[in-house]
Amino acid sequence: MSAIEVAVREQAALGEGPTWDTARQRLIWVDILGSRVHTYDPASGRRTVMVTEQHVGAAKPRAGGGLVVNLRDGVALYGPEGQDFRWLHREVVPGRRGNDAAVAPDGTLWAGTMRYDEAAGGGTLSRFSADGTAEAVLDDVAVSNGTGWSPDGRLMYYVDSPTRRIDVFDVGEDQLPVNRRTLATVEDGFPDGLTVDADGCVWVALWDGGAVRRYTPSGELDRVVELPVRRPTACAFGGADLTDLYITTACTGLEAPHPMSGSVLVLPGAGKGLPQPAFAG
């Protein structure tokens, strides 16, 4: 395994949500507090930045081109060139914003929310269909974060960061999660964004933990990637062969952030990821 490198040097206040866009062979990530959606093509080095009118918790590719974004006041859509903005589902709740999101194997978007004050019970996790139909999945969380599925789609992993747990659910016939239990508990830091690799192992970034950890499907910790930054936020596999682990980071709240804080880091040859589905809408 190679050493940690800087993929995108940036000073993002709250870099989050790296996602590999398979169709366009690029990385998508956001700066939540900077209200920006970034893209990065590692082959050419090309970068783009799109400014949103609200804090943006996540951005994911759409099957027909463009992006679906989890904004402060709901879920919205952009066209392929950042045009044709429209709300898919708008729900204004004072003091609350969108946070991390993920696309399920069936193409639905699972979008989380949280209160700015991170109050317990103030956040949610909801499922959004292509037509904008919204269905509450969890309605009593604090900071809705990492969500992912096992390679066979039978398990769903989820993080409500203040609990310090990575939870696992069985996926029912209606594709909704049931039988919640704890996969692993984190004591040094808070679990944040996660990704699942081709072996079914869960990689999770540790906010205030300065590391990314890999857990087996049985909950055994089998790898720790130490980082030079205190606040990694999420991770995702990318690159042409899905073997490079991209890690977003934050510098918000740090009196003396490391020079790499706010940048996107990459660990070449970290493992083997899974192709991520695009949102069906």
Protein backbone atom coordinates (compact mmCIF):
# COMPACT_ATOMS: atom_id res chain seq x y z
CA MET A 1 0.00 0.00 0.00
CA SER A 2 1.28 3.46 -0.90
CA ALA A 3 1.58 6.52 1.33
CA ILE A 4 -1.12 9.13 1.77
CA GLU A 5 -1.06 11.82 -0.92
CA VAL A 6 -2.93 15.07 -1.53
CA ALA A 7 -5.33 14.59 -4.45
CA VAL A 8 -6.91 18.05 -4.30
CA ARG A 9 -5.29 20.80 -2.29
CA GLU A 10 -8.07 22.92 -0.84
CA GLN A 11 -9.07 24.73 2.33
CA ALA A 12 -12.60 23.43 2.60
CA ALA A 13 -14.28 24.34 5.86
CA LEU A 14 -16.18 21.06 5.89
CA GLY A 15 -15.17 18.84 3.00
CA GLU A 16 -17.53 15.87 2.78
CA GLY A 17 -19.16 13.14 0.74
CA PRO A 18 -16.61 11.88 -1.82
CA THR A 19 -18.35 9.91 -4.56
CA TRP A 20 -16.85 8.33 -7.65
CA ASP A 21 -18.89 9.18 -10.76
CA THR A 22 -18.32 6.07 -12.88
CA ALA A 23 -19.97 7.48 -16.01
CA ARG A 24 -17.68 10.53 -16.12
CA GLN A 25 -14.67 9.04 -14.32
CA ARG A 26 -14.42 11.82 -11.78
CA LEU A 27 -14.68 12.41 -8.06
CA ILE A 28 -17.56 14.50 -6.70
CA TRP A 29 -17.33 16.04 -3.24
CA VAL A 30 -18.76 19.00 -1.33
CA ASP A 31 -17.75 21.72 1.09
CA ILE A 32 -20.88 21.84 3.21
CA LEU A 33 -20.31 25.17 4.92
CA GLY A 34 -18.73 26.70 1.83
CA SER A 35 -21.86 25.84 -0.20
CA ARG A 36 -19.77 24.34 -2.99
CA VAL A 37 -19.87 21.19 -5.09
CA HIS A 38 -16.45 20.17 -6.41
CA THR A 39 -15.45 17.69 -9.10
CA TYR A 40 -11.99 16.32 -9.84
CA ASP A 41 -10.77 14.22 -12.77
CA PRO A 42 -7.57 12.48 -11.63
CA ALA A 43 -6.61 11.52 -15.21
CA SER A 44 -6.54 15.08 -16.50
CA GLY A 45 -6.32 17.04 -13.25
CA ARG A 46 -9.38 19.04 -14.30
CA ARG A 47 -11.45 20.53 -11.50
CA THR A 48 -14.78 22.31 -11.38
CA VAL A 49 -16.53 24.19 -8.59
CA MET A 50 -20.25 24.97 -8.46
CA VAL A 51 -21.62 27.34 -5.83
CA THR A 52 -25.00 26.46 -4.33
CA GLU A 53 -27.37 28.94 -2.71
CA GLN A 54 -27.57 26.90 0.49
CA HIS A 55 -25.33 24.67 2.57
CA VAL A 56 -24.96 21.41 0.66
CA GLY A 57 -24.60 18.15 2.56
CA ALA A 58 -24.04 15.83 -0.39
CA ALA A 59 -24.01 15.63 -4.19
CA LYS A 60 -24.48 12.42 -6.18
CA PRO A 61 -24.59 11.69 -9.92
CA ARG A 62 -27.93 11.17 -11.67
CA ALA A 63 -28.49 8.34 -14.12
CA GLY A 64 -29.46 10.75 -16.89
CA GLY A 65 -26.67 13.22 -16.16
CA GLY A 66 -26.41 16.03 -13.64
CA LEU A 67 -26.50 15.90 -9.88
CA VAL A 68 -28.90 15.34 -7.02
CA VAL A 69 -27.98 17.47 -3.99
CA ASN A 70 -28.98 17.39 -0.33
CA LEU A 71 -29.39 21.06 0.57
CA ARG A 72 -30.41 22.90 3.72
CA ASP A 73 -34.08 22.98 2.75
CA GLY A 74 -34.43 19.68 0.94
CA VAL A 75 -33.31 17.61 -2.03
CA ALA A 76 -32.83 19.24 -5.42
CA LEU A 77 -31.66 18.42 -8.95
CA TYR A 78 -29.19 20.02 -11.38
CA GLY A 79 -28.75 19.32 -15.07
CA PRO A 80 -25.52 17.99 -16.63
CA GLU A 81 -23.89 21.42 -16.78
CA GLY A 82 -25.19 22.72 -13.46
CA GLN A 83 -28.27 24.25 -15.05
CA ASP A 84 -32.03 23.62 -14.73
CA PHE A 85 -32.13 23.69 -10.93
CA ARG A 86 -35.35 22.39 -9.43
CA TRP A 87 -36.51 21.05 -6.10
CA LEU A 88 -37.28 17.35 -5.93
CA HIS A 89 -38.56 17.61 -2.36
CA ARG A 90 -38.51 20.86 -0.38
CA GLU A 91 -39.08 20.78 3.37
CA VAL A 92 -37.98 23.84 5.31
CA VAL A 93 -37.24 23.17 8.98
CA PRO A 94 -35.64 26.13 10.79
CA GLY A 95 -32.31 25.22 12.36
CA ARG A 96 -31.90 22.06 10.29
CA ARG A 97 -29.87 21.21 7.18
CA GLY A 98 -29.12 18.32 4.87
CA ASN A 99 -26.08 16.23 5.66
CA ASP A 100 -24.58 13.04 4.22
CA ALA A 101 -26.46 10.99 1.61
CA ALA A 102 -26.05 7.78 -0.38
CA VAL A 103 -27.65 6.07 -3.35
CA ALA A 104 -29.02 2.60 -2.69
CA PRO A 105 -28.63 -0.33 -5.12
CA ASP A 106 -32.17 0.32 -6.41
CA GLY A 107 -31.31 3.93 -7.37
CA THR A 108 -33.16 5.66 -4.53
CA LEU A 109 -31.46 8.45 -2.58
CA TRP A 110 -31.06 8.07 1.17
CA ALA A 111 -30.54 11.57 2.52
CA GLY A 112 -29.84 12.55 6.11
CA THR A 113 -30.45 15.74 8.04
CA MET A 114 -29.19 17.27 11.28
CA ARG A 115 -29.79 20.34 13.36
CA TYR A 116 -27.05 22.96 13.31
CA ASP A 117 -26.82 22.59 17.09
CA GLU A 118 -26.60 18.78 16.68
CA ALA A 119 -29.44 18.25 19.14
CA ALA A 120 -30.39 14.63 19.76
CA GLY A 121 -33.50 13.61 17.84
CA GLY A 122 -33.33 16.63 15.56
CA GLY A 123 -32.15 14.73 12.49
CA THR A 124 -33.67 12.24 10.08
CA LEU A 125 -32.85 9.70 7.38
CA SER A 126 -35.28 9.56 4.45
CA ARG A 127 -35.57 7.65 1.19
CA PHE A 128 -36.33 9.58 -2.02
CA SER A 129 -37.62 8.00 -5.20
CA ALA A 130 -37.06 9.34 -8.70
CA ASP A 131 -40.49 11.01 -8.71
CA GLY A 132 -39.75 12.91 -5.48
CA THR A 133 -41.70 10.62 -3.18
CA ALA A 134 -40.17 10.87 0.29
CA GLU A 135 -40.36 8.20 2.96
CA ALA A 136 -39.00 8.66 6.49
CA VAL A 137 -36.75 5.76 7.46
CA LEU A 138 -35.30 7.04 10.77
CA ASP A 139 -36.78 10.08 12.49
CA ASP A 140 -34.88 10.24 15.78
CA VAL A 141 -31.19 10.79 15.03
CA ALA A 142 -28.74 13.56 15.88
CA VAL A 143 -26.17 13.73 13.07
CA SER A 144 -27.15 11.46 10.18
CA ASN A 145 -23.95 10.40 8.45
CA GLY A 146 -22.45 7.42 6.64
CA THR A 147 -24.83 5.04 4.85
CA GLY A 148 -23.85 2.09 2.68
CA TRP A 149 -24.85 -1.38 1.52
CA SER A 150 -23.13 -4.76 1.40
CA PRO A 151 -22.12 -6.10 -2.03
CA ASP A 152 -25.19 -8.36 -2.16
CA GLY A 153 -27.53 -5.58 -0.98
CA ARG A 154 -28.76 -7.61 1.99
CA LEU A 155 -27.18 -5.42 4.69
CA MET A 156 -27.23 -1.67 5.27
CA TYR A 157 -24.68 0.17 7.39
CA TYR A 158 -25.42 3.48 9.08
CA VAL A 159 -23.79 6.06 11.35
CA ASP A 160 -25.44 8.53 13.74
CA SER A 161 -22.16 10.14 14.73
CA PRO A 162 -22.75 11.14 18.39
CA THR A 163 -23.62 7.53 19.27
CA ARG A 164 -20.03 6.55 18.32
CA ARG A 165 -21.51 3.43 16.68
CA ILE A 166 -21.51 1.90 13.24
CA ASP A 167 -24.85 0.11 13.03
CA VAL A 168 -25.94 -2.61 10.65
CA PHE A 169 -29.46 -3.52 9.50
CA ASP A 170 -30.94 -6.34 7.48
CA VAL A 171 -32.63 -5.11 4.29
CA GLY A 172 -36.26 -6.24 4.16
CA GLU A 173 -38.34 -7.22 1.14
CA ASP A 174 -39.48 -3.61 0.79
CA GLN A 175 -35.82 -2.51 0.77
CA LEU A 176 -36.27 -0.85 4.17
CA PRO A 177 -33.86 -1.59 7.04
CA VAL A 178 -34.88 -3.88 9.91
CA ASN A 179 -33.20 -5.62 12.86
CA ARG A 180 -30.80 -2.83 13.83
CA ARG A 181 -27.71 -3.83 15.81
CA THR A 182 -24.19 -2.56 16.48
CA LEU A 183 -21.38 -3.56 14.14
CA ALA A 184 -18.66 -1.64 16.01
CA THR A 185 -18.21 1.09 18.60
CA VAL A 186 -15.58 3.83 18.28
CA GLU A 187 -14.00 5.38 21.37
CA ASP A 188 -11.27 7.59 19.93
CA GLY A 189 -13.14 9.94 17.65
CA PHE A 190 -16.58 9.91 16.04
CA PRO A 191 -17.53 7.72 13.07
CA ASP A 192 -18.51 9.88 10.10
CA GLY A 193 -18.82 8.97 6.42
CA LEU A 194 -18.30 5.39 5.25
CA THR A 195 -17.93 3.19 2.21
CA VAL A 196 -18.20 -0.57 1.66
CA ASP A 197 -15.57 -2.39 -0.38
CA ALA A 198 -15.80 -5.39 -2.69
CA ASP A 199 -15.00 -7.74 0.20
CA GLY A 200 -17.98 -6.42 2.15
CA CYS A 201 -15.78 -4.57 4.64
CA VAL A 202 -16.75 -1.15 5.98
CA TRP A 203 -14.30 1.76 5.81
CA VAL A 204 -15.20 4.68 8.08
CA ALA A 205 -13.59 8.09 8.60
CA LEU A 206 -13.10 9.17 12.22
CA TRP A 207 -13.88 12.81 12.96
CA ASP A 208 -11.47 13.99 15.68
CA GLY A 209 -9.84 10.57 15.35
CA GLY A 210 -7.33 11.33 12.60
CA ALA A 211 -7.79 8.00 10.86
CA VAL A 212 -9.84 5.78 8.57
CA ARG A 213 -10.69 2.30 9.85
CA ARG A 214 -11.74 -0.86 8.05
CA TYR A 215 -14.11 -3.31 9.74
CA THR A 216 -14.97 -6.79 8.53
CA PRO A 217 -18.64 -7.80 8.16
CA SER A 218 -18.36 -9.44 11.60
CA GLY A 219 -17.27 -6.13 13.16
CA GLU A 220 -13.57 -6.97 13.54
CA LEU A 221 -11.18 -4.06 13.12
CA ASP A 222 -8.59 -5.25 10.60
CA ARG A 223 -6.98 -2.08 9.23
CA VAL A 224 -6.21 1.44 10.44
CA VAL A 225 -5.01 4.20 8.11
CA GLU A 226 -3.47 6.98 10.17
CA LEU A 227 -3.85 10.45 8.66
CA PRO A 228 -1.99 13.74 9.15
CA VAL A 229 -5.28 15.59 9.74
CA ARG A 230 -7.49 15.53 12.80
CA ARG A 231 -10.86 15.71 11.06
CA PRO A 232 -11.32 13.32 8.16
CA THR A 233 -14.98 13.24 7.24
CA ALA A 234 -15.68 10.52 4.68
CA CYS A 235 -14.04 8.12 2.23
CA ALA A 236 -14.81 6.49 -1.12
CA PHE A 237 -13.02 4.29 -3.62
CA GLY A 238 -12.33 5.79 -7.03
CA GLY A 239 -10.05 5.77 -10.03
CA ALA A 240 -10.39 3.72 -13.18
CA ASP A 241 -10.08 0.43 -11.29
CA LEU A 242 -11.71 1.61 -8.02
CA THR A 243 -8.59 0.87 -5.96
CA ASP A 244 -7.74 4.38 -4.74
CA LEU A 245 -9.30 5.52 -1.46
CA TYR A 246 -10.25 9.21 -1.51
CA ILE A 247 -10.72 10.93 1.85
CA THR A 248 -12.37 14.31 2.45
CA THR A 249 -11.28 16.45 5.39
CA ALA A 250 -12.32 19.54 7.35
CA CYS A 251 -10.60 22.48 8.99
CA THR A 252 -13.63 24.00 10.71
CA GLY A 253 -13.34 24.38 14.47
CA LEU A 254 -9.58 23.84 14.55
CA GLU A 255 -7.39 26.56 16.03
CA ALA A 256 -4.28 25.32 14.24
CA PRO A 257 -5.32 23.01 11.41
CA HIS A 258 -2.74 20.88 9.64
CA PRO A 259 -1.78 22.27 6.19
CA MET A 260 -3.64 19.36 4.59
CA SER A 261 -6.86 20.00 6.53
CA GLY A 262 -9.63 20.84 4.08
CA SER A 263 -7.94 18.99 1.21
CA VAL A 264 -8.95 15.72 -0.41
CA LEU A 265 -6.43 13.00 0.39
CA VAL A 266 -5.90 9.77 -1.50
CA LEU A 267 -4.41 6.41 -0.57
CA PRO A 268 -3.50 4.67 -3.86
CA GLY A 269 -4.01 0.93 -3.97
CA ALA A 270 -5.91 0.81 -0.69
CA GLY A 271 -8.26 -1.97 -1.74
CA LYS A 272 -11.07 -2.64 -4.20
CA GLY A 273 -14.25 -0.62 -4.16
CA LEU A 274 -17.70 -1.19 -5.57
CA PRO A 275 -19.24 0.77 -8.45
CA GLN A 276 -21.66 3.26 -6.93
CA PRO A 277 -25.13 3.50 -8.48
CA ALA A 278 -26.43 6.79 -9.79
CA PHE A 279 -29.67 8.32 -8.57
CA ALA A 280 -32.54 7.17 -10.77
CA GLY A 281 -34.20 10.61 -10.87
